[in-house]
Amino acid sequence: ASYAADGRFELYKTSKKYDGSPGREQHG
């Protein structure tokens, strides 16, 4: 729980690191 609390191990929730380029393009 303490590791999870700041989202460091789930960056797909907090950043665009795992968001695909086609989707990014469609959203500008």
mmCIF file of all heavy atoms, coordinates in Angstrom:
data_MODEL
# 
_entry.id   MODEL 
# 
loop_
_atom_site.group_PDB 
_atom_site.id 
_atom_site.type_symbol 
_atom_site.label_atom_id 
_atom_site.label_alt_id 
_atom_site.label_comp_id 
_atom_site.label_asym_id 
_atom_site.label_entity_id 
_atom_site.label_seq_id 
_atom_site.pdbx_PDB_ins_code 
_atom_site.Cartn_x 
_atom_site.Cartn_y 
_atom_site.Cartn_z 
_atom_site.occupancy 
_atom_site.B_iso_or_equiv 
_atom_site.pdbx_formal_charge 
_atom_site.auth_seq_id 
_atom_site.auth_comp_id 
_atom_site.auth_asym_id 
_atom_site.auth_atom_id 
_atom_site.pdbx_PDB_model_num 
ATOM 1   N N   . ALA A 1 1  ? 0.816  -1.224 0.000   1.00 0.00 ? 1  ALA A N   1 
ATOM 2   C CA  . ALA A 1 1  ? 0.000  0.000  0.000   1.00 0.00 ? 1  ALA A CA  1 
ATOM 3   C C   . ALA A 1 1  ? 0.844  1.266  0.000   1.00 0.00 ? 1  ALA A C   1 
ATOM 4   O O   . ALA A 1 1  ? 0.520  2.242  -0.692  1.00 0.00 ? 1  ALA A O   1 
ATOM 5   C CB  . ALA A 1 1  ? -0.945 -0.010 1.201   1.00 0.00 ? 1  ALA A CB  1 
ATOM 6   N N   . SER A 1 2  ? 1.923  1.273  0.750   1.00 0.00 ? 2  SER A N   1 
ATOM 7   C CA  . SER A 1 2  ? 2.753  2.485  0.813   1.00 0.00 ? 2  SER A CA  1 
ATOM 8   C C   . SER A 1 2  ? 3.438  2.759  -0.521  1.00 0.00 ? 2  SER A C   1 
ATOM 9   O O   . SER A 1 2  ? 3.646  3.919  -0.897  1.00 0.00 ? 2  SER A O   1 
ATOM 10  C CB  . SER A 1 2  ? 3.799  2.364  1.926   1.00 0.00 ? 2  SER A CB  1 
ATOM 11  O OG  . SER A 1 2  ? 4.674  1.269  1.683   1.00 0.00 ? 2  SER A OG  1 
ATOM 12  N N   . TYR A 1 3  ? 3.784  1.682  -1.255  1.00 0.00 ? 3  TYR A N   1 
ATOM 13  C CA  . TYR A 1 3  ? 4.381  1.859  -2.581  1.00 0.00 ? 3  TYR A CA  1 
ATOM 14  C C   . TYR A 1 3  ? 3.340  2.342  -3.591  1.00 0.00 ? 3  TYR A C   1 
ATOM 15  O O   . TYR A 1 3  ? 3.640  3.081  -4.515  1.00 0.00 ? 3  TYR A O   1 
ATOM 16  C CB  . TYR A 1 3  ? 4.972  0.537  -3.080  1.00 0.00 ? 3  TYR A CB  1 
ATOM 17  C CG  . TYR A 1 3  ? 6.146  0.033  -2.298  1.00 0.00 ? 3  TYR A CG  1 
ATOM 18  C CD1 . TYR A 1 3  ? 5.993  -0.956 -1.329  1.00 0.00 ? 3  TYR A CD1 1 
ATOM 19  C CD2 . TYR A 1 3  ? 7.424  0.527  -2.530  1.00 0.00 ? 3  TYR A CD2 1 
ATOM 20  C CE1 . TYR A 1 3  ? 7.080  -1.434 -0.615  1.00 0.00 ? 3  TYR A CE1 1 
ATOM 21  C CE2 . TYR A 1 3  ? 8.527  0.056  -1.821  1.00 0.00 ? 3  TYR A CE2 1 
ATOM 22  C CZ  . TYR A 1 3  ? 8.342  -0.929 -0.860  1.00 0.00 ? 3  TYR A CZ  1 
ATOM 23  O OH  . TYR A 1 3  ? 9.431  -1.401 -0.154  1.00 0.00 ? 3  TYR A OH  1 
ATOM 24  N N   . ALA A 1 4  ? 2.121  1.917  -3.382  1.00 0.00 ? 4  ALA A N   1 
ATOM 25  C CA  . ALA A 1 4  ? 1.055  2.238  -4.338  1.00 0.00 ? 4  ALA A CA  1 
ATOM 26  C C   . ALA A 1 4  ? 0.533  3.656  -4.196  1.00 0.00 ? 4  ALA A C   1 
ATOM 27  O O   . ALA A 1 4  ? 0.030  4.237  -5.153  1.00 0.00 ? 4  ALA A O   1 
ATOM 28  C CB  . ALA A 1 4  ? -0.101 1.252  -4.154  1.00 0.00 ? 4  ALA A CB  1 
ATOM 29  N N   . ALA A 1 5  ? 0.648  4.229  -3.009  1.00 0.00 ? 5  ALA A N   1 
ATOM 30  C CA  . ALA A 1 5  ? -0.048 5.466  -2.672  1.00 0.00 ? 5  ALA A CA  1 
ATOM 31  C C   . ALA A 1 5  ? 0.259  6.643  -3.579  1.00 0.00 ? 5  ALA A C   1 
ATOM 32  O O   . ALA A 1 5  ? -0.607 7.494  -3.809  1.00 0.00 ? 5  ALA A O   1 
ATOM 33  C CB  . ALA A 1 5  ? 0.255  5.843  -1.221  1.00 0.00 ? 5  ALA A CB  1 
ATOM 34  N N   . ASP A 1 6  ? 1.477  6.726  -4.126  1.00 0.00 ? 6  ASP A N   1 
ATOM 35  C CA  . ASP A 1 6  ? 1.818  7.868  -4.974  1.00 0.00 ? 6  ASP A CA  1 
ATOM 36  C C   . ASP A 1 6  ? 1.794  7.523  -6.460  1.00 0.00 ? 6  ASP A C   1 
ATOM 37  O O   . ASP A 1 6  ? 2.149  8.347  -7.297  1.00 0.00 ? 6  ASP A O   1 
ATOM 38  C CB  . ASP A 1 6  ? 3.185  8.443  -4.599  1.00 0.00 ? 6  ASP A CB  1 
ATOM 39  C CG  . ASP A 1 6  ? 4.302  7.409  -4.618  1.00 0.00 ? 6  ASP A CG  1 
ATOM 40  O OD1 . ASP A 1 6  ? 4.093  6.312  -5.174  1.00 0.00 ? 6  ASP A OD1 1 
ATOM 41  O OD2 . ASP A 1 6  ? 5.390  7.698  -4.068  1.00 0.00 ? 6  ASP A OD2 1 
ATOM 42  N N   . GLY A 1 7  ? 1.381  6.314  -6.789  1.00 0.00 ? 7  GLY A N   1 
ATOM 43  C CA  . GLY A 1 7  ? 1.239  5.932  -8.193  1.00 0.00 ? 7  GLY A CA  1 
ATOM 44  C C   . GLY A 1 7  ? 2.532  5.639  -8.922  1.00 0.00 ? 7  GLY A C   1 
ATOM 45  O O   . GLY A 1 7  ? 2.536  5.485  -10.149 1.00 0.00 ? 7  GLY A O   1 
ATOM 46  N N   . ARG A 1 8  ? 3.639  5.511  -8.209  1.00 0.00 ? 8  ARG A N   1 
ATOM 47  C CA  . ARG A 1 8  ? 4.940  5.330  -8.875  1.00 0.00 ? 8  ARG A CA  1 
ATOM 48  C C   . ARG A 1 8  ? 5.010  4.065  -9.723  1.00 0.00 ? 8  ARG A C   1 
ATOM 49  O O   . ARG A 1 8  ? 5.768  4.002  -10.699 1.00 0.00 ? 8  ARG A O   1 
ATOM 50  C CB  . ARG A 1 8  ? 6.061  5.322  -7.831  1.00 0.00 ? 8  ARG A CB  1 
ATOM 51  C CG  . ARG A 1 8  ? 6.141  4.052  -7.002  1.00 0.00 ? 8  ARG A CG  1 
ATOM 52  C CD  . ARG A 1 8  ? 7.208  4.109  -5.943  1.00 0.00 ? 8  ARG A CD  1 
ATOM 53  N NE  . ARG A 1 8  ? 6.797  4.923  -4.799  1.00 0.00 ? 8  ARG A NE  1 
ATOM 54  C CZ  . ARG A 1 8  ? 7.515  5.021  -3.691  1.00 0.00 ? 8  ARG A CZ  1 
ATOM 55  N NH1 . ARG A 1 8  ? 8.675  4.397  -3.579  1.00 0.00 ? 8  ARG A NH1 1 
ATOM 56  N NH2 . ARG A 1 8  ? 7.067  5.754  -2.679  1.00 0.00 ? 8  ARG A NH2 1 
ATOM 57  N N   . PHE A 1 9  ? 4.239  3.036  -9.327  1.00 0.00 ? 9  PHE A N   1 
ATOM 58  C CA  . PHE A 1 9  ? 4.272  1.787  -10.066 1.00 0.00 ? 9  PHE A CA  1 
ATOM 59  C C   . PHE A 1 9  ? 3.065  1.601  -10.986 1.00 0.00 ? 9  PHE A C   1 
ATOM 60  O O   . PHE A 1 9  ? 2.845  0.516  -11.514 1.00 0.00 ? 9  PHE A O   1 
ATOM 61  C CB  . PHE A 1 9  ? 4.387  0.609  -9.094  1.00 0.00 ? 9  PHE A CB  1 
ATOM 62  C CG  . PHE A 1 9  ? 5.704  0.560  -8.369  1.00 0.00 ? 9  PHE A CG  1 
ATOM 63  C CD1 . PHE A 1 9  ? 5.762  0.265  -7.017  1.00 0.00 ? 9  PHE A CD1 1 
ATOM 64  C CD2 . PHE A 1 9  ? 6.901  0.819  -9.034  1.00 0.00 ? 9  PHE A CD2 1 
ATOM 65  C CE1 . PHE A 1 9  ? 6.976  0.218  -6.340  1.00 0.00 ? 9  PHE A CE1 1 
ATOM 66  C CE2 . PHE A 1 9  ? 8.122  0.775  -8.378  1.00 0.00 ? 9  PHE A CE2 1 
ATOM 67  C CZ  . PHE A 1 9  ? 8.160  0.475  -7.020  1.00 0.00 ? 9  PHE A CZ  1 
ATOM 68  N N   . GLU A 1 10 ? 2.299  2.655  -11.145 1.00 0.00 ? 10 GLU A N   1 
ATOM 69  C CA  . GLU A 1 10 ? 1.178  2.614  -12.085 1.00 0.00 ? 10 GLU A CA  1 
ATOM 70  C C   . GLU A 1 10 ? 1.142  3.914  -12.883 1.00 0.00 ? 10 GLU A C   1 
ATOM 71  O O   . GLU A 1 10 ? 0.151  4.647  -12.893 1.00 0.00 ? 10 GLU A O   1 
ATOM 72  C CB  . GLU A 1 10 ? -0.146 2.411  -11.342 1.00 0.00 ? 10 GLU A CB  1 
ATOM 73  C CG  . GLU A 1 10 ? -0.263 1.054  -10.668 1.00 0.00 ? 10 GLU A CG  1 
ATOM 74  C CD  . GLU A 1 10 ? -1.634 0.840  -10.096 1.00 0.00 ? 10 GLU A CD  1 
ATOM 75  O OE1 . GLU A 1 10 ? -1.932 1.409  -9.024  1.00 0.00 ? 10 GLU A OE1 1 
ATOM 76  O OE2 . GLU A 1 10 ? -2.427 0.114  -10.728 1.00 0.00 ? 10 GLU A OE2 1 
ATOM 77  N N   . LEU A 1 11 ? 2.232  4.203  -13.557 1.00 0.00 ? 11 LEU A N   1 
ATOM 78  C CA  . LEU A 1 11 ? 2.367  5.464  -14.276 1.00 0.00 ? 11 LEU A CA  1 
ATOM 79  C C   . LEU A 1 11 ? 1.363  5.611  -15.416 1.00 0.00 ? 11 LEU A C   1 
ATOM 80  O O   . LEU A 1 11 ? 1.117  6.716  -15.885 1.00 0.00 ? 11 LEU A O   1 
ATOM 81  C CB  . LEU A 1 11 ? 3.798  5.606  -14.813 1.00 0.00 ? 11 LEU A CB  1 
ATOM 82  C CG  . LEU A 1 11 ? 4.888  5.736  -13.744 1.00 0.00 ? 11 LEU A CG  1 
ATOM 83  C CD1 . LEU A 1 11 ? 6.261  5.825  -14.399 1.00 0.00 ? 11 LEU A CD1 1 
ATOM 84  C CD2 . LEU A 1 11 ? 4.648  6.935  -12.833 1.00 0.00 ? 11 LEU A CD2 1 
ATOM 85  N N   . TYR A 1 12 ? 0.778  4.515  -15.850 1.00 0.00 ? 12 TYR A N   1 
ATOM 86  C CA  . TYR A 1 12 ? -0.247 4.607  -16.885 1.00 0.00 ? 12 TYR A CA  1 
ATOM 87  C C   . TYR A 1 12 ? -1.484 5.341  -16.378 1.00 0.00 ? 12 TYR A C   1 
ATOM 88  O O   . TYR A 1 12 ? -2.285 5.842  -17.171 1.00 0.00 ? 12 TYR A O   1 
ATOM 89  C CB  . TYR A 1 12 ? -0.643 3.209  -17.386 1.00 0.00 ? 12 TYR A CB  1 
ATOM 90  C CG  . TYR A 1 12 ? -0.837 2.188  -16.304 1.00 0.00 ? 12 TYR A CG  1 
ATOM 91  C CD1 . TYR A 1 12 ? -2.038 2.080  -15.620 1.00 0.00 ? 12 TYR A CD1 1 
ATOM 92  C CD2 . TYR A 1 12 ? 0.200  1.337  -15.949 1.00 0.00 ? 12 TYR A CD2 1 
ATOM 93  C CE1 . TYR A 1 12 ? -2.216 1.149  -14.608 1.00 0.00 ? 12 TYR A CE1 1 
ATOM 94  C CE2 . TYR A 1 12 ? 0.042  0.411  -14.936 1.00 0.00 ? 12 TYR A CE2 1 
ATOM 95  C CZ  . TYR A 1 12 ? -1.168 0.317  -14.272 1.00 0.00 ? 12 TYR A CZ  1 
ATOM 96  O OH  . TYR A 1 12 ? -1.321 -0.598 -13.256 1.00 0.00 ? 12 TYR A OH  1 
ATOM 97  N N   . LYS A 1 13 ? -1.654 5.416  -15.067 1.00 0.00 ? 13 LYS A N   1 
ATOM 98  C CA  . LYS A 1 13 ? -2.778 6.156  -14.496 1.00 0.00 ? 13 LYS A CA  1 
ATOM 99  C C   . LYS A 1 13 ? -2.472 7.641  -14.336 1.00 0.00 ? 13 LYS A C   1 
ATOM 100 O O   . LYS A 1 13 ? -3.386 8.471  -14.383 1.00 0.00 ? 13 LYS A O   1 
ATOM 101 C CB  . LYS A 1 13 ? -3.154 5.584  -13.121 1.00 0.00 ? 13 LYS A CB  1 
ATOM 102 C CG  . LYS A 1 13 ? -3.713 4.174  -13.130 1.00 0.00 ? 13 LYS A CG  1 
ATOM 103 C CD  . LYS A 1 13 ? -4.030 3.726  -11.706 1.00 0.00 ? 13 LYS A CD  1 
ATOM 104 C CE  . LYS A 1 13 ? -4.590 2.310  -11.664 1.00 0.00 ? 13 LYS A CE  1 
ATOM 105 N NZ  . LYS A 1 13 ? -4.851 1.848  -10.287 1.00 0.00 ? 13 LYS A NZ  1 
ATOM 106 N N   . THR A 1 14 ? -1.217 7.977  -14.093 1.00 0.00 ? 14 THR A N   1 
ATOM 107 C CA  . THR A 1 14 ? -0.856 9.338  -13.718 1.00 0.00 ? 14 THR A CA  1 
ATOM 108 C C   . THR A 1 14 ? -0.134 10.131 -14.792 1.00 0.00 ? 14 THR A C   1 
ATOM 109 O O   . THR A 1 14 ? 0.095  11.331 -14.633 1.00 0.00 ? 14 THR A O   1 
ATOM 110 C CB  . THR A 1 14 ? 0.048  9.315  -12.473 1.00 0.00 ? 14 THR A CB  1 
ATOM 111 O OG1 . THR A 1 14 ? 1.257  8.596  -12.786 1.00 0.00 ? 14 THR A OG1 1 
ATOM 112 C CG2 . THR A 1 14 ? -0.657 8.628  -11.311 1.00 0.00 ? 14 THR A CG2 1 
ATOM 113 N N   . SER A 1 15 ? 0.270  9.493  -15.884 1.00 0.00 ? 15 SER A N   1 
ATOM 114 C CA  . SER A 1 15 ? 1.042  10.164 -16.934 1.00 0.00 ? 15 SER A CA  1 
ATOM 115 C C   . SER A 1 15 ? 0.579  9.678  -18.295 1.00 0.00 ? 15 SER A C   1 
ATOM 116 O O   . SER A 1 15 ? -0.321 8.852  -18.402 1.00 0.00 ? 15 SER A O   1 
ATOM 117 C CB  . SER A 1 15 ? 2.535  9.855  -16.754 1.00 0.00 ? 15 SER A CB  1 
ATOM 118 O OG  . SER A 1 15 ? 2.807  8.503  -17.108 1.00 0.00 ? 15 SER A OG  1 
ATOM 119 N N   . LYS A 1 16 ? 1.224  10.173 -19.342 1.00 0.00 ? 16 LYS A N   1 
ATOM 120 C CA  . LYS A 1 16 ? 0.889  9.726  -20.688 1.00 0.00 ? 16 LYS A CA  1 
ATOM 121 C C   . LYS A 1 16 ? 1.892  8.688  -21.189 1.00 0.00 ? 16 LYS A C   1 
ATOM 122 O O   . LYS A 1 16 ? 1.920  8.350  -22.369 1.00 0.00 ? 16 LYS A O   1 
ATOM 123 C CB  . LYS A 1 16 ? 0.836  10.913 -21.660 1.00 0.00 ? 16 LYS A CB  1 
ATOM 124 C CG  . LYS A 1 16 ? -0.105 12.022 -21.200 1.00 0.00 ? 16 LYS A CG  1 
ATOM 125 C CD  . LYS A 1 16 ? -0.572 12.879 -22.340 1.00 0.00 ? 16 LYS A CD  1 
ATOM 126 C CE  . LYS A 1 16 ? -1.565 12.174 -23.222 1.00 0.00 ? 16 LYS A CE  1 
ATOM 127 N NZ  . LYS A 1 16 ? -2.776 11.743 -22.504 1.00 0.00 ? 16 LYS A NZ  1 
ATOM 128 N N   . LYS A 1 17 ? 2.695  8.163  -20.281 1.00 0.00 ? 17 LYS A N   1 
ATOM 129 C CA  . LYS A 1 17 ? 3.755  7.233  -20.666 1.00 0.00 ? 17 LYS A CA  1 
ATOM 130 C C   . LYS A 1 17 ? 3.236  6.037  -21.450 1.00 0.00 ? 17 LYS A C   1 
ATOM 131 O O   . LYS A 1 17 ? 3.897  5.563  -22.371 1.00 0.00 ? 17 LYS A O   1 
ATOM 132 C CB  . LYS A 1 17 ? 4.507  6.755  -19.417 1.00 0.00 ? 17 LYS A CB  1 
ATOM 133 C CG  . LYS A 1 17 ? 5.634  5.769  -19.725 1.00 0.00 ? 17 LYS A CG  1 
ATOM 134 C CD  . LYS A 1 17 ? 6.387  5.376  -18.472 1.00 0.00 ? 17 LYS A CD  1 
ATOM 135 C CE  . LYS A 1 17 ? 7.508  4.390  -18.809 1.00 0.00 ? 17 LYS A CE  1 
ATOM 136 N NZ  . LYS A 1 17 ? 8.273  3.985  -17.602 1.00 0.00 ? 17 LYS A NZ  1 
ATOM 137 N N   . TYR A 1 18 ? 2.075  5.541  -21.094 1.00 0.00 ? 18 TYR A N   1 
ATOM 138 C CA  . TYR A 1 18 ? 1.567  4.341  -21.757 1.00 0.00 ? 18 TYR A CA  1 
ATOM 139 C C   . TYR A 1 18 ? 0.443  4.642  -22.753 1.00 0.00 ? 18 TYR A C   1 
ATOM 140 O O   . TYR A 1 18 ? -0.183 3.724  -23.268 1.00 0.00 ? 18 TYR A O   1 
ATOM 141 C CB  . TYR A 1 18 ? 1.077  3.335  -20.709 1.00 0.00 ? 18 TYR A CB  1 
ATOM 142 C CG  . TYR A 1 18 ? 2.208  2.743  -19.904 1.00 0.00 ? 18 TYR A CG  1 
ATOM 143 C CD1 . TYR A 1 18 ? 2.680  3.389  -18.771 1.00 0.00 ? 18 TYR A CD1 1 
ATOM 144 C CD2 . TYR A 1 18 ? 2.829  1.551  -20.290 1.00 0.00 ? 18 TYR A CD2 1 
ATOM 145 C CE1 . TYR A 1 18 ? 3.731  2.868  -18.038 1.00 0.00 ? 18 TYR A CE1 1 
ATOM 146 C CE2 . TYR A 1 18 ? 3.878  1.025  -19.563 1.00 0.00 ? 18 TYR A CE2 1 
ATOM 147 C CZ  . TYR A 1 18 ? 4.330  1.687  -18.432 1.00 0.00 ? 18 TYR A CZ  1 
ATOM 148 O OH  . TYR A 1 18 ? 5.375  1.174  -17.714 1.00 0.00 ? 18 TYR A OH  1 
ATOM 149 N N   . ASP A 1 19 ? 0.177  5.904  -23.003 1.00 0.00 ? 19 ASP A N   1 
ATOM 150 C CA  . ASP A 1 19 ? -0.871 6.255  -23.957 1.00 0.00 ? 19 ASP A CA  1 
ATOM 151 C C   . ASP A 1 19 ? -0.310 6.187  -25.374 1.00 0.00 ? 19 ASP A C   1 
ATOM 152 O O   . ASP A 1 19 ? 0.719  6.808  -25.677 1.00 0.00 ? 19 ASP A O   1 
ATOM 153 C CB  . ASP A 1 19 ? -1.399 7.667  -23.686 1.00 0.00 ? 19 ASP A CB  1 
ATOM 154 C CG  . ASP A 1 19 ? -2.026 7.794  -22.297 1.00 0.00 ? 19 ASP A CG  1 
ATOM 155 O OD1 . ASP A 1 19 ? -2.144 6.761  -21.617 1.00 0.00 ? 19 ASP A OD1 1 
ATOM 156 O OD2 . ASP A 1 19 ? -2.394 8.912  -21.924 1.00 0.00 ? 19 ASP A OD2 1 
ATOM 157 N N   . GLY A 1 20 ? -0.966 5.446  -26.247 1.00 0.00 ? 20 GLY A N   1 
ATOM 158 C CA  . GLY A 1 20 ? -0.484 5.265  -27.606 1.00 0.00 ? 20 GLY A CA  1 
ATOM 159 C C   . GLY A 1 20 ? -0.490 6.541  -28.426 1.00 0.00 ? 20 GLY A C   1 
ATOM 160 O O   . GLY A 1 20 ? -1.323 7.430  -28.238 1.00 0.00 ? 20 GLY A O   1 
ATOM 161 N N   . SER A 1 21 ? 0.429  6.616  -29.381 1.00 0.00 ? 21 SER A N   1 
ATOM 162 C CA  . SER A 1 21 ? 0.538  7.804  -30.231 1.00 0.00 ? 21 SER A CA  1 
ATOM 163 C C   . SER A 1 21 ? -0.702 8.074  -31.071 1.00 0.00 ? 21 SER A C   1 
ATOM 164 O O   . SER A 1 21 ? -1.093 9.240  -31.226 1.00 0.00 ? 21 SER A O   1 
ATOM 165 C CB  . SER A 1 21 ? 1.781  7.683  -31.126 1.00 0.00 ? 21 SER A CB  1 
ATOM 166 O OG  . SER A 1 21 ? 2.961  7.761  -30.340 1.00 0.00 ? 21 SER A OG  1 
ATOM 167 N N   . PRO A 1 22 ? -1.370 7.069  -31.635 1.00 0.00 ? 22 PRO A N   1 
ATOM 168 C CA  . PRO A 1 22 ? -2.592 7.366  -32.405 1.00 0.00 ? 22 PRO A CA  1 
ATOM 169 C C   . PRO A 1 22 ? -3.662 8.063  -31.575 1.00 0.00 ? 22 PRO A C   1 
ATOM 170 O O   . PRO A 1 22 ? -4.320 8.989  -32.058 1.00 0.00 ? 22 PRO A O   1 
ATOM 171 C CB  . PRO A 1 22 ? -3.053 5.982  -32.867 1.00 0.00 ? 22 PRO A CB  1 
ATOM 172 C CG  . PRO A 1 22 ? -1.794 5.188  -32.952 1.00 0.00 ? 22 PRO A CG  1 
ATOM 173 C CD  . PRO A 1 22 ? -0.995 5.651  -31.765 1.00 0.00 ? 22 PRO A CD  1 
ATOM 174 N N   . GLY A 1 23 ? -3.820 7.647  -30.342 1.00 0.00 ? 23 GLY A N   1 
ATOM 175 C CA  . GLY A 1 23 ? -4.794 8.290  -29.471 1.00 0.00 ? 23 GLY A CA  1 
ATOM 176 C C   . GLY A 1 23 ? -4.381 9.705  -29.107 1.00 0.00 ? 23 GLY A C   1 
ATOM 177 O O   . GLY A 1 23 ? -5.199 10.624 -29.063 1.00 0.00 ? 23 GLY A O   1 
ATOM 178 N N   . ARG A 1 24 ? -3.099 9.890  -28.856 1.00 0.00 ? 24 ARG A N   1 
ATOM 179 C CA  . ARG A 1 24 ? -2.604 11.229 -28.549 1.00 0.00 ? 24 ARG A CA  1 
ATOM 180 C C   . ARG A 1 24 ? -2.877 12.174 -29.719 1.00 0.00 ? 24 ARG A C   1 
ATOM 181 O O   . ARG A 1 24 ? -3.302 13.317 -29.523 1.00 0.00 ? 24 ARG A O   1 
ATOM 182 C CB  . ARG A 1 24 ? -1.096 11.189 -28.276 1.00 0.00 ? 24 ARG A CB  1 
ATOM 183 C CG  . ARG A 1 24 ? -0.676 10.431 -27.050 1.00 0.00 ? 24 ARG A CG  1 
ATOM 184 C CD  . ARG A 1 24 ? 0.795  10.694 -26.785 1.00 0.00 ? 24 ARG A CD  1 
ATOM 185 N NE  . ARG A 1 24 ? 1.374  9.719  -25.874 1.00 0.00 ? 24 ARG A NE  1 
ATOM 186 C CZ  . ARG A 1 24 ? 2.553  9.860  -25.306 1.00 0.00 ? 24 ARG A CZ  1 
ATOM 187 N NH1 . ARG A 1 24 ? 3.267  10.939 -25.551 1.00 0.00 ? 24 ARG A NH1 1 
ATOM 188 N NH2 . ARG A 1 24 ? 3.028  8.935  -24.481 1.00 0.00 ? 24 ARG A NH2 1 
ATOM 189 N N   . GLU A 1 25 ? -2.610 11.680 -30.915 1.00 0.00 ? 25 GLU A N   1 
ATOM 190 C CA  . GLU A 1 25 ? -2.805 12.520 -32.106 1.00 0.00 ? 25 GLU A CA  1 
ATOM 191 C C   . GLU A 1 25 ? -4.253 12.956 -32.239 1.00 0.00 ? 25 GLU A C   1 
ATOM 192 O O   . GLU A 1 25 ? -4.543 14.133 -32.517 1.00 0.00 ? 25 GLU A O   1 
ATOM 193 C CB  . GLU A 1 25 ? -2.377 11.746 -33.355 1.00 0.00 ? 25 GLU A CB  1 
ATOM 194 C CG  . GLU A 1 25 ? -2.562 12.520 -34.642 1.00 0.00 ? 25 GLU A CG  1 
ATOM 195 C CD  . GLU A 1 25 ? -2.174 11.716 -35.864 1.00 0.00 ? 25 GLU A CD  1 
ATOM 196 O OE1 . GLU A 1 25 ? -1.624 10.602 -35.699 1.00 0.00 ? 25 GLU A OE1 1 
ATOM 197 O OE2 . GLU A 1 25 ? -2.441 12.188 -36.992 1.00 0.00 ? 25 GLU A OE2 1 
ATOM 198 N N   . GLN A 1 26 ? -5.183 12.036 -32.042 1.00 0.00 ? 26 GLN A N   1 
ATOM 199 C CA  . GLN A 1 26 ? -6.594 12.365 -32.177 1.00 0.00 ? 26 GLN A CA  1 
ATOM 200 C C   . GLN A 1 26 ? -7.063 13.368 -31.127 1.00 0.00 ? 26 GLN A C   1 
ATOM 201 O O   . GLN A 1 26 ? -8.035 14.086 -31.340 1.00 0.00 ? 26 GLN A O   1 
ATOM 202 C CB  . GLN A 1 26 ? -7.440 11.092 -32.107 1.00 0.00 ? 26 GLN A CB  1 
ATOM 203 C CG  . GLN A 1 26 ? -7.256 10.155 -33.283 1.00 0.00 ? 26 GLN A CG  1 
ATOM 204 C CD  . GLN A 1 26 ? -7.491 10.843 -34.615 1.00 0.00 ? 26 GLN A CD  1 
ATOM 205 O OE1 . GLN A 1 26 ? -8.488 11.529 -34.813 1.00 0.00 ? 26 GLN A OE1 1 
ATOM 206 N NE2 . GLN A 1 26 ? -6.567 10.666 -35.543 1.00 0.00 ? 26 GLN A NE2 1 
ATOM 207 N N   . HIS A 1 27 ? -6.346 13.418 -30.000 1.00 0.00 ? 27 HIS A N   1 
ATOM 208 C CA  . HIS A 1 27 ? -6.726 14.349 -28.936 1.00 0.00 ? 27 HIS A CA  1 
ATOM 209 C C   . HIS A 1 27 ? -5.821 15.583 -28.893 1.00 0.00 ? 27 HIS A C   1 
ATOM 210 O O   . HIS A 1 27 ? -5.888 16.365 -27.944 1.00 0.00 ? 27 HIS A O   1 
ATOM 211 C CB  . HIS A 1 27 ? -6.717 13.636 -27.585 1.00 0.00 ? 27 HIS A CB  1 
ATOM 212 C CG  . HIS A 1 27 ? -7.892 12.729 -27.391 1.00 0.00 ? 27 HIS A CG  1 
ATOM 213 N ND1 . HIS A 1 27 ? -9.066 13.150 -26.812 1.00 0.00 ? 27 HIS A ND1 1 
ATOM 214 C CD2 . HIS A 1 27 ? -8.077 11.426 -27.716 1.00 0.00 ? 27 HIS A CD2 1 
ATOM 215 C CE1 . HIS A 1 27 ? -9.929 12.155 -26.776 1.00 0.00 ? 27 HIS A CE1 1 
ATOM 216 N NE2 . HIS A 1 27 ? -9.357 11.092 -27.312 1.00 0.00 ? 27 HIS A NE2 1 
ATOM 217 N N   . GLY A 1 28 ? -4.970 15.739 -29.910 1.00 0.00 ? 28 GLY A N   1 
ATOM 218 C CA  . GLY A 1 28 ? -4.152 16.935 -30.002 1.00 0.00 ? 28 GLY A CA  1 
ATOM 219 C C   . GLY A 1 28 ? -2.909 16.966 -29.151 1.00 0.00 ? 28 GLY A C   1 
ATOM 220 O O   . GLY A 1 28 ? -2.343 18.036 -28.891 1.00 0.00 ? 28 GLY A O   1 
# 
